[in-house]
Amino acid sequence: AVASLDKQTQTPTTERSREIEIWELHC
């Protein structure tokens, strides 16, 4: 949504630039 409002086109991610989602949890 932020990229769309900034008028940026989503491009396919490469293996090097793809992001991995990690959760930091304080419990």
PDB file of all heavy atoms in Angstrom:
ATOM      1  N   ALA A   1       0.830  -1.210   0.000  1.00  0.00           N
ATOM      2  CA  ALA A   1       0.000   0.000   0.000  1.00  0.00           C
ATOM      3  C   ALA A   1       0.863   1.258   0.000  1.00  0.00           C
ATOM      4  O   ALA A   1       0.573   2.212  -0.727  1.00  0.00           O
ATOM      5  CB  ALA A   1      -0.918  -0.006   1.222  1.00  0.00           C
ATOM      6  N   VAL A   2       1.936   1.270   0.790  1.00  0.00           N
ATOM      7  CA  VAL A   2       2.835   2.421   0.838  1.00  0.00           C
ATOM      8  C   VAL A   2       3.502   2.630  -0.516  1.00  0.00           C
ATOM      9  O   VAL A   2       3.609   3.756  -1.016  1.00  0.00           O
ATOM     10  CB  VAL A   2       3.888   2.237   1.950  1.00  0.00           C
ATOM     11  CG1 VAL A   2       4.966   3.314   1.855  1.00  0.00           C
ATOM     12  CG2 VAL A   2       3.224   2.283   3.328  1.00  0.00           C
ATOM     13  N   ALA A   3       3.962   1.545  -1.137  1.00  0.00           N
ATOM     14  CA  ALA A   3       4.599   1.660  -2.454  1.00  0.00           C
ATOM     15  C   ALA A   3       3.620   2.199  -3.492  1.00  0.00           C
ATOM     16  O   ALA A   3       3.985   3.012  -4.344  1.00  0.00           O
ATOM     17  CB  ALA A   3       5.138   0.299  -2.893  1.00  0.00           C
ATOM     18  N   SER A   4       2.359   1.754  -3.425  1.00  0.00           N
ATOM     19  CA  SER A   4       1.351   2.237  -4.368  1.00  0.00           C
ATOM     20  C   SER A   4       1.101   3.734  -4.183  1.00  0.00           C
ATOM     21  O   SER A   4       1.010   4.481  -5.163  1.00  0.00           O
ATOM     22  CB  SER A   4       0.048   1.465  -4.173  1.00  0.00           C
ATOM     23  OG  SER A   4      -0.973   1.974  -4.998  1.00  0.00           O
ATOM     24  N   LEU A   5       1.012   4.202  -2.931  1.00  0.00           N
ATOM     25  CA  LEU A   5       0.806   5.626  -2.669  1.00  0.00           C
ATOM     26  C   LEU A   5       2.023   6.456  -3.078  1.00  0.00           C
ATOM     27  O   LEU A   5       1.893   7.622  -3.428  1.00  0.00           O
ATOM     28  CB  LEU A   5       0.489   5.843  -1.193  1.00  0.00           C
ATOM     29  CG  LEU A   5      -0.880   5.315  -0.723  1.00  0.00           C
ATOM     30  CD1 LEU A   5      -0.996   5.382   0.791  1.00  0.00           C
ATOM     31  CD2 LEU A   5      -2.004   6.113  -1.370  1.00  0.00           C
ATOM     32  N   ASP A   6       3.206   5.842  -3.010  1.00  0.00           N
ATOM     33  CA  ASP A   6       4.424   6.534  -3.443  1.00  0.00           C
ATOM     34  C   ASP A   6       4.641   6.444  -4.948  1.00  0.00           C
ATOM     35  O   ASP A   6       5.693   6.852  -5.446  1.00  0.00           O
ATOM     36  CB  ASP A   6       5.645   5.944  -2.720  1.00  0.00           C
ATOM     37  CG  ASP A   6       5.722   6.370  -1.272  1.00  0.00           C
ATOM     38  OD1 ASP A   6       5.044   7.353  -0.915  1.00  0.00           O
ATOM     39  OD2 ASP A   6       6.447   5.721  -0.486  1.00  0.00           O
ATOM     40  N   LYS A   7       3.654   5.870  -5.648  1.00  0.00           N
ATOM     41  CA  LYS A   7       3.714   5.741  -7.112  1.00  0.00           C
ATOM     42  C   LYS A   7       4.913   4.901  -7.557  1.00  0.00           C
ATOM     43  O   LYS A   7       5.571   5.188  -8.560  1.00  0.00           O
ATOM     44  CB  LYS A   7       3.783   7.126  -7.791  1.00  0.00           C
ATOM     45  CG  LYS A   7       2.653   8.070  -7.400  1.00  0.00           C
ATOM     46  CD  LYS A   7       1.313   7.574  -7.908  1.00  0.00           C
ATOM     47  CE  LYS A   7       0.197   8.595  -7.696  1.00  0.00           C
ATOM     48  NZ  LYS A   7      -0.093   8.864  -6.280  1.00  0.00           N
ATOM     49  N   GLN A   8       5.179   3.832  -6.805  1.00  0.00           N
ATOM     50  CA  GLN A   8       6.267   2.935  -7.159  1.00  0.00           C
ATOM     51  C   GLN A   8       5.684   1.600  -7.614  1.00  0.00           C
ATOM     52  O   GLN A   8       4.742   1.080  -7.006  1.00  0.00           O
ATOM     53  CB  GLN A   8       7.197   2.696  -5.969  1.00  0.00           C
ATOM     54  CG  GLN A   8       7.944   3.946  -5.526  1.00  0.00           C
ATOM     55  CD  GLN A   8       9.028   3.620  -4.537  1.00  0.00           C
ATOM     56  OE1 GLN A   8       9.898   2.799  -4.791  1.00  0.00           O
ATOM     57  NE2 GLN A   8       8.979   4.269  -3.378  1.00  0.00           N
ATOM     58  N   THR A   9       6.264   1.042  -8.658  1.00  0.00           N
ATOM     59  CA  THR A   9       5.808  -0.235  -9.192  1.00  0.00           C
ATOM     60  C   THR A   9       6.524  -1.368  -8.475  1.00  0.00           C
ATOM     61  O   THR A   9       7.755  -1.348  -8.328  1.00  0.00           O
ATOM     62  CB  THR A   9       6.081  -0.323 -10.701  1.00  0.00           C
ATOM     63  OG1 THR A   9       5.474   0.798 -11.342  1.00  0.00           O
ATOM     64  CG2 THR A   9       5.530  -1.607 -11.283  1.00  0.00           C
ATOM     65  N   GLN A  10       5.757  -2.356  -8.041  1.00  0.00           N
ATOM     66  CA  GLN A  10       6.360  -3.520  -7.400  1.00  0.00           C
ATOM     67  C   GLN A  10       7.078  -4.365  -8.446  1.00  0.00           C
ATOM     68  O   GLN A  10       6.521  -4.686  -9.503  1.00  0.00           O
ATOM     69  CB  GLN A  10       5.284  -4.360  -6.714  1.00  0.00           C
ATOM     70  CG  GLN A  10       4.589  -3.647  -5.566  1.00  0.00           C
ATOM     71  CD  GLN A  10       5.490  -3.552  -4.334  1.00  0.00           C
ATOM     72  OE1 GLN A  10       6.381  -4.356  -4.150  1.00  0.00           O
ATOM     73  NE2 GLN A  10       5.257  -2.551  -3.514  1.00  0.00           N
ATOM     74  N   THR A  11       8.327  -4.708  -8.180  1.00  0.00           N
ATOM     75  CA  THR A  11       9.101  -5.542  -9.102  1.00  0.00           C
ATOM     76  C   THR A  11       9.387  -6.884  -8.432  1.00  0.00           C
ATOM     77  O   THR A  11       9.512  -6.959  -7.210  1.00  0.00           O
ATOM     78  CB  THR A  11      10.430  -4.860  -9.463  1.00  0.00           C
ATOM     79  OG1 THR A  11      11.155  -4.567  -8.255  1.00  0.00           O
ATOM     80  CG2 THR A  11      10.183  -3.565 -10.216  1.00  0.00           C
ATOM     81  N   PRO A  12       9.516  -7.945  -9.231  1.00  0.00           N
ATOM     82  CA  PRO A  12       9.820  -9.255  -8.638  1.00  0.00           C
ATOM     83  C   PRO A  12      11.154  -9.220  -7.903  1.00  0.00           C
ATOM     84  O   PRO A  12      12.120  -8.612  -8.358  1.00  0.00           O
ATOM     85  CB  PRO A  12       9.885 -10.186  -9.859  1.00  0.00           C
ATOM     86  CG  PRO A  12       9.147  -9.463 -10.941  1.00  0.00           C
ATOM     87  CD  PRO A  12       9.353  -8.002 -10.681  1.00  0.00           C
ATOM     88  N   THR A  13      11.196  -9.875  -6.754  1.00  0.00           N
ATOM     89  CA  THR A  13      12.429  -9.884  -5.963  1.00  0.00           C
ATOM     90  C   THR A  13      13.370 -10.963  -6.480  1.00  0.00           C
ATOM     91  O   THR A  13      12.946 -12.024  -6.938  1.00  0.00           O
ATOM     92  CB  THR A  13      12.122 -10.161  -4.488  1.00  0.00           C
ATOM     93  OG1 THR A  13      11.399 -11.395  -4.386  1.00  0.00           O
ATOM     94  CG2 THR A  13      11.283  -9.052  -3.900  1.00  0.00           C
ATOM     95  N   THR A  14      14.651 -10.678  -6.415  1.00  0.00           N
ATOM     96  CA  THR A  14      15.657 -11.674  -6.762  1.00  0.00           C
ATOM     97  C   THR A  14      16.039 -12.446  -5.513  1.00  0.00           C
ATOM     98  O   THR A  14      15.677 -12.097  -4.389  1.00  0.00           O
ATOM     99  CB  THR A  14      16.906 -10.984  -7.341  1.00  0.00           C
ATOM    100  OG1 THR A  14      17.485 -10.151  -6.318  1.00  0.00           O
ATOM    101  CG2 THR A  14      16.543 -10.128  -8.547  1.00  0.00           C
ATOM    102  N   GLU A  15      16.792 -13.520  -5.707  1.00  0.00           N
ATOM    103  CA  GLU A  15      17.224 -14.330  -4.569  1.00  0.00           C
ATOM    104  C   GLU A  15      18.038 -13.498  -3.591  1.00  0.00           C
ATOM    105  O   GLU A  15      17.940 -13.666  -2.387  1.00  0.00           O
ATOM    106  CB  GLU A  15      18.056 -15.519  -5.083  1.00  0.00           C
ATOM    107  CG  GLU A  15      18.641 -16.425  -3.990  1.00  0.00           C
ATOM    108  CD  GLU A  15      17.578 -17.181  -3.217  1.00  0.00           C
ATOM    109  OE1 GLU A  15      16.454 -17.326  -3.747  1.00  0.00           O
ATOM    110  OE2 GLU A  15      17.862 -17.619  -2.097  1.00  0.00           O
ATOM    111  N   ARG A  16      18.820 -12.547  -4.112  1.00  0.00           N
ATOM    112  CA  ARG A  16      19.679 -11.747  -3.240  1.00  0.00           C
ATOM    113  C   ARG A  16      18.885 -10.676  -2.480  1.00  0.00           C
ATOM    114  O   ARG A  16      19.217 -10.344  -1.343  1.00  0.00           O
ATOM    115  CB  ARG A  16      20.778 -11.083  -4.071  1.00  0.00           C
ATOM    116  CG  ARG A  16      21.776 -10.296  -3.242  1.00  0.00           C
ATOM    117  CD  ARG A  16      22.886  -9.722  -4.101  1.00  0.00           C
ATOM    118  NE  ARG A  16      23.792  -8.918  -3.309  1.00  0.00           N
ATOM    119  CZ  ARG A  16      24.793  -9.376  -2.588  1.00  0.00           C
ATOM    120  NH1 ARG A  16      25.021 -10.673  -2.544  1.00  0.00           N
ATOM    121  NH2 ARG A  16      25.580  -8.577  -1.900  1.00  0.00           N
ATOM    122  N   SER A  17      17.836 -10.126  -3.117  1.00  0.00           N
ATOM    123  CA  SER A  17      17.121  -9.022  -2.490  1.00  0.00           C
ATOM    124  C   SER A  17      15.854  -9.452  -1.756  1.00  0.00           C
ATOM    125  O   SER A  17      15.217  -8.631  -1.110  1.00  0.00           O
ATOM    126  CB  SER A  17      16.752  -7.973  -3.550  1.00  0.00           C
ATOM    127  OG  SER A  17      15.836  -8.524  -4.481  1.00  0.00           O
ATOM    128  N   ARG A  18      15.447 -10.713  -1.875  1.00  0.00           N
ATOM    129  CA  ARG A  18      14.224 -11.154  -1.199  1.00  0.00           C
ATOM    130  C   ARG A  18      14.386 -10.990   0.310  1.00  0.00           C
ATOM    131  O   ARG A  18      15.491 -11.065   0.846  1.00  0.00           O
ATOM    132  CB  ARG A  18      13.930 -12.614  -1.533  1.00  0.00           C
ATOM    133  CG  ARG A  18      14.933 -13.617  -0.926  1.00  0.00           C
ATOM    134  CD  ARG A  18      14.633 -15.033  -1.347  1.00  0.00           C
ATOM    135  NE  ARG A  18      15.664 -15.940  -0.859  1.00  0.00           N
ATOM    136  CZ  ARG A  18      15.611 -16.567   0.310  1.00  0.00           C
ATOM    137  NH1 ARG A  18      14.574 -16.384   1.110  1.00  0.00           N
ATOM    138  NH2 ARG A  18      16.584 -17.385   0.687  1.00  0.00           N
ATOM    139  N   GLU A  19      13.286 -10.782   0.980  1.00  0.00           N
ATOM    140  CA  GLU A  19      13.327 -10.551   2.422  1.00  0.00           C
ATOM    141  C   GLU A  19      12.780 -11.748   3.172  1.00  0.00           C
ATOM    142  O   GLU A  19      11.857 -12.430   2.703  1.00  0.00           O
ATOM    143  CB  GLU A  19      12.522  -9.294   2.768  1.00  0.00           C
ATOM    144  CG  GLU A  19      13.160  -8.013   2.246  1.00  0.00           C
ATOM    145  CD  GLU A  19      12.373  -6.775   2.650  1.00  0.00           C
ATOM    146  OE1 GLU A  19      11.135  -6.857   2.715  1.00  0.00           O
ATOM    147  OE2 GLU A  19      13.003  -5.734   2.905  1.00  0.00           O
ATOM    148  N   ILE A  20      13.359 -11.995   4.337  1.00  0.00           N
ATOM    149  CA  ILE A  20      12.932 -13.098   5.200  1.00  0.00           C
ATOM    150  C   ILE A  20      12.331 -12.487   6.456  1.00  0.00           C
ATOM    151  O   ILE A  20      12.920 -11.605   7.076  1.00  0.00           O
ATOM    152  CB  ILE A  20      14.129 -13.999   5.563  1.00  0.00           C
ATOM    153  CG1 ILE A  20      14.724 -14.597   4.283  1.00  0.00           C
ATOM    154  CG2 ILE A  20      13.713 -15.098   6.527  1.00  0.00           C
ATOM    155  CD1 ILE A  20      16.026 -15.318   4.497  1.00  0.00           C
ATOM    156  N   GLU A  21      11.155 -12.967   6.812  1.00  0.00           N
ATOM    157  CA  GLU A  21      10.418 -12.392   7.938  1.00  0.00           C
ATOM    158  C   GLU A  21      10.776 -13.114   9.229  1.00  0.00           C
ATOM    159  O   GLU A  21      10.547 -14.323   9.356  1.00  0.00           O
ATOM    160  CB  GLU A  21       8.918 -12.492   7.668  1.00  0.00           C
ATOM    161  CG  GLU A  21       8.059 -11.752   8.659  1.00  0.00           C
ATOM    162  CD  GLU A  21       6.606 -11.692   8.209  1.00  0.00           C
ATOM    163  OE1 GLU A  21       6.309 -10.948   7.262  1.00  0.00           O
ATOM    164  OE2 GLU A  21       5.790 -12.413   8.806  1.00  0.00           O
ATOM    165  N   ILE A  22      11.361 -12.380  10.172  1.00  0.00           N
ATOM    166  CA  ILE A  22      11.748 -12.916  11.476  1.00  0.00           C
ATOM    167  C   ILE A  22      11.002 -12.137  12.555  1.00  0.00           C
ATOM    168  O   ILE A  22      10.922 -10.911  12.501  1.00  0.00           O
ATOM    169  CB  ILE A  22      13.275 -12.794  11.709  1.00  0.00           C
ATOM    170  CG1 ILE A  22      14.056 -13.474  10.572  1.00  0.00           C
ATOM    171  CG2 ILE A  22      13.663 -13.374  13.065  1.00  0.00           C
ATOM    172  CD1 ILE A  22      13.903 -14.963  10.507  1.00  0.00           C
ATOM    173  N   TRP A  23      10.481 -12.832  13.544  1.00  0.00           N
ATOM    174  CA  TRP A  23       9.784 -12.188  14.664  1.00  0.00           C
ATOM    175  C   TRP A  23      10.694 -12.150  15.886  1.00  0.00           C
ATOM    176  O   TRP A  23      11.242 -13.175  16.298  1.00  0.00           O
ATOM    177  CB  TRP A  23       8.499 -12.942  15.006  1.00  0.00           C
ATOM    178  CG  TRP A  23       7.396 -12.704  14.033  1.00  0.00           C
ATOM    179  CD1 TRP A  23       7.058 -13.480  12.956  1.00  0.00           C
ATOM    180  CD2 TRP A  23       6.491 -11.600  14.029  1.00  0.00           C
ATOM    181  NE1 TRP A  23       6.008 -12.927  12.289  1.00  0.00           N
ATOM    182  CE2 TRP A  23       5.630 -11.780  12.921  1.00  0.00           C
ATOM    183  CE3 TRP A  23       6.317 -10.487  14.851  1.00  0.00           C
ATOM    184  CZ2 TRP A  23       4.612 -10.883  12.617  1.00  0.00           C
ATOM    185  CZ3 TRP A  23       5.309  -9.599  14.547  1.00  0.00           C
ATOM    186  CH2 TRP A  23       4.467  -9.789  13.446  1.00  0.00           C
ATOM    187  N   GLU A  24      10.887 -10.940  16.427  1.00  0.00           N
ATOM    188  CA  GLU A  24      11.566 -10.771  17.716  1.00  0.00           C
ATOM    189  C   GLU A  24      10.477 -10.696  18.782  1.00  0.00           C
ATOM    190  O   GLU A  24       9.636  -9.800  18.766  1.00  0.00           O
ATOM    191  CB  GLU A  24      12.404  -9.491  17.723  1.00  0.00           C
ATOM    192  CG  GLU A  24      13.054  -9.197  19.075  1.00  0.00           C
ATOM    193  CD  GLU A  24      13.760  -7.855  19.101  1.00  0.00           C
ATOM    194  OE1 GLU A  24      14.008  -7.284  18.013  1.00  0.00           O
ATOM    195  OE2 GLU A  24      14.058  -7.360  20.214  1.00  0.00           O
ATOM    196  N   LEU A  25      10.487 -11.639  19.722  1.00  0.00           N
ATOM    197  CA  LEU A  25       9.394 -11.774  20.681  1.00  0.00           C
ATOM    198  C   LEU A  25       9.915 -11.633  22.103  1.00  0.00           C
ATOM    199  O   LEU A  25      10.888 -12.286  22.488  1.00  0.00           O
ATOM    200  CB  LEU A  25       8.714 -13.134  20.508  1.00  0.00           C
ATOM    201  CG  LEU A  25       8.079 -13.335  19.132  1.00  0.00           C
ATOM    202  CD1 LEU A  25       8.105 -14.789  18.717  1.00  0.00           C
ATOM    203  CD2 LEU A  25       6.663 -12.810  19.107  1.00  0.00           C
ATOM    204  N   HIS A  26       9.273 -10.761  22.853  1.00  0.00           N
ATOM    205  CA  HIS A  26       9.569 -10.585  24.275  1.00  0.00           C
ATOM    206  C   HIS A  26       8.375 -11.156  25.033  1.00  0.00           C
ATOM    207  O   HIS A  26       7.267 -10.615  24.937  1.00  0.00           O
ATOM    208  CB  HIS A  26       9.782  -9.112  24.606  1.00  0.00           C
ATOM    209  CG  HIS A  26      10.959  -8.504  23.896  1.00  0.00           C
ATOM    210  ND1 HIS A  26      12.144  -8.208  24.534  1.00  0.00           N
ATOM    211  CD2 HIS A  26      11.128  -8.170  22.591  1.00  0.00           C
ATOM    212  CE1 HIS A  26      12.991  -7.699  23.660  1.00  0.00           C
ATOM    213  NE2 HIS A  26      12.409  -7.665  22.483  1.00  0.00           N
ATOM    214  N   CYS A  27       8.596 -12.253  25.747  1.00  0.00           N
ATOM    215  CA  CYS A  27       7.454 -12.943  26.339  1.00  0.00           C
ATOM    216  C   CYS A  27       7.760 -13.381  27.766  1.00  0.00           C
ATOM    217  O   CYS A  27       8.917 -13.446  28.192  1.00  0.00           O
ATOM    218  CB  CYS A  27       7.054 -14.147  25.497  1.00  0.00           C
ATOM    219  SG  CYS A  27       8.258 -15.480  25.498  1.00  0.00           S
TER     220      CYS A  27
END
